[in-house]
Amino acid sequence: HYYMQLFTEVYKIIGSFDIIGNPVSLVSNIGTGVYDFFYEPARGVVQSPKMFVSGVSKGTTSLFLNSIVGVSNTCSKITATFGTGLAQLSLDKKYIIEHENIENPNN
């Protein structure tokens, strides 16, 4: 039992690494969209045909937006990782410091 819980938590930790685009966040966003895609129409069909149409609209919009947000965030994180790696490969200390200041303006 404890082994399975540990195994599940390790997957969550590894999956949340930004270096690979945080796939846990991607799956969560898409999962929310898919859930809404089915839940909203089902909730509306119980009330009235008009609410069903509204539910289809809400569910489709949620699926579309959550998919776009998830993919965009994942691509953004992967691109940032590549940018940081390329900055380090440049071996230019001044550029590396400027790049770090752009990524972390509070430091």
Protein backbone atom coordinates (compact mmCIF):
# COMPACT_ATOMS: atom_id res chain seq x y z
CA HIS A 1 0.00 0.00 0.00
CA TYR A 2 2.71 2.50 0.98
CA TYR A 3 4.81 1.48 -2.01
CA MET A 4 1.98 2.33 -4.41
CA GLN A 5 1.44 5.71 -2.75
CA LEU A 6 5.15 6.48 -2.97
CA PHE A 7 5.18 5.41 -6.60
CA THR A 8 2.23 7.69 -7.38
CA GLU A 9 3.86 10.66 -5.63
CA VAL A 10 7.16 10.11 -7.44
CA TYR A 11 5.29 10.28 -10.77
CA LYS A 12 3.69 13.56 -9.70
CA ILE A 13 7.06 15.03 -8.72
CA ILE A 14 8.82 13.96 -11.90
CA GLY A 15 5.85 14.99 -14.00
CA SER A 16 5.85 18.49 -12.55
CA PHE A 17 9.40 19.27 -13.69
CA ASP A 18 9.45 22.36 -15.88
CA ILE A 19 12.33 20.95 -17.90
CA ILE A 20 9.90 18.54 -19.57
CA GLY A 21 7.10 21.08 -19.76
CA ASN A 22 5.20 20.07 -16.62
CA PRO A 23 3.08 17.28 -18.13
CA VAL A 24 1.04 16.98 -14.92
CA SER A 25 -0.27 20.50 -15.51
CA LEU A 26 -0.96 19.70 -19.17
CA VAL A 27 -2.95 16.58 -18.28
CA SER A 28 -4.77 18.48 -15.53
CA ASN A 29 -5.81 21.28 -17.88
CA ILE A 30 -6.95 18.92 -20.62
CA GLY A 31 -8.69 16.73 -18.04
CA THR A 32 -10.64 19.71 -16.74
CA GLY A 33 -11.71 20.56 -20.27
CA VAL A 34 -12.81 17.00 -21.04
CA TYR A 35 -14.70 16.80 -17.74
CA ASP A 36 -16.53 20.05 -18.47
CA PHE A 37 -17.20 18.93 -22.05
CA PHE A 38 -19.29 16.02 -20.73
CA TYR A 39 -20.48 17.40 -17.39
CA GLU A 40 -21.97 20.72 -18.52
CA PRO A 41 -24.32 19.22 -21.16
CA ALA A 42 -25.32 16.42 -18.78
CA ARG A 43 -26.17 18.95 -16.10
CA GLY A 44 -28.15 21.02 -18.63
CA VAL A 45 -30.12 18.10 -20.09
CA VAL A 46 -31.66 17.48 -16.67
CA GLN A 47 -32.99 21.05 -16.52
CA SER A 48 -34.22 21.92 -20.02
CA PRO A 49 -33.31 21.75 -23.72
CA LYS A 50 -32.16 25.37 -23.58
CA MET A 51 -29.82 24.59 -20.68
CA PHE A 52 -28.53 21.57 -22.61
CA VAL A 53 -27.52 23.81 -25.52
CA SER A 54 -25.93 26.21 -23.05
CA GLY A 55 -24.09 23.29 -21.44
CA VAL A 56 -22.77 22.10 -24.81
CA SER A 57 -21.49 25.62 -25.45
CA LYS A 58 -19.86 25.91 -22.01
CA GLY A 59 -18.34 22.44 -22.20
CA THR A 60 -16.93 22.96 -25.69
CA THR A 61 -15.51 26.35 -24.74
CA SER A 62 -13.90 24.89 -21.61
CA LEU A 63 -12.38 22.01 -23.56
CA PHE A 64 -10.98 24.36 -26.19
CA LEU A 65 -9.61 26.95 -23.75
CA ASN A 66 -8.13 24.45 -21.30
CA SER A 67 -6.45 22.57 -24.14
CA ILE A 68 -4.95 25.78 -25.53
CA VAL A 69 -3.78 26.92 -22.08
CA GLY A 70 -2.25 23.52 -21.28
CA VAL A 71 -0.39 23.21 -24.57
CA SER A 72 0.75 26.85 -24.47
CA ASN A 73 2.09 26.55 -20.92
CA THR A 74 3.90 23.31 -21.76
CA CYS A 75 5.49 24.79 -24.89
CA SER A 76 6.43 27.93 -22.97
CA LYS A 77 8.19 25.95 -20.24
CA ILE A 78 10.05 23.76 -22.72
CA THR A 79 11.13 26.83 -24.70
CA ALA A 80 12.30 28.56 -21.51
CA THR A 81 14.33 25.48 -20.60
CA PHE A 82 15.99 25.48 -24.02
CA GLY A 83 16.67 29.21 -23.74
CA THR A 84 18.34 28.77 -20.38
CA GLY A 85 20.39 25.87 -21.70
CA LEU A 86 21.52 27.83 -24.74
CA ALA A 87 22.42 30.79 -22.54
CA GLN A 88 24.64 28.52 -20.46
CA LEU A 89 26.23 27.09 -23.60
CA SER A 90 27.14 30.57 -24.82
CA LEU A 91 29.76 30.80 -22.05
CA ASP A 92 29.24 34.57 -22.04
CA LYS A 93 29.03 35.59 -18.37
CA LYS A 94 27.41 38.97 -19.13
CA TYR A 95 24.71 37.38 -21.30
CA ILE A 96 24.05 34.66 -18.72
CA ILE A 97 23.56 37.27 -15.98
CA GLU A 98 21.24 39.34 -18.21
CA HIS A 99 19.25 36.21 -19.12
CA GLU A 100 18.87 35.26 -15.45
CA ASN A 101 17.73 38.79 -14.59
CA ILE A 102 15.08 38.66 -17.32
CA GLU A 103 13.79 35.29 -16.09
CA ASN A 104 13.91 36.23 -12.39
CA PRO A 105 13.48 40.01 -12.11
CA ASN A 106 13.10 39.86 -8.29
CA ASN A 107 16.65 38.56 -7.77
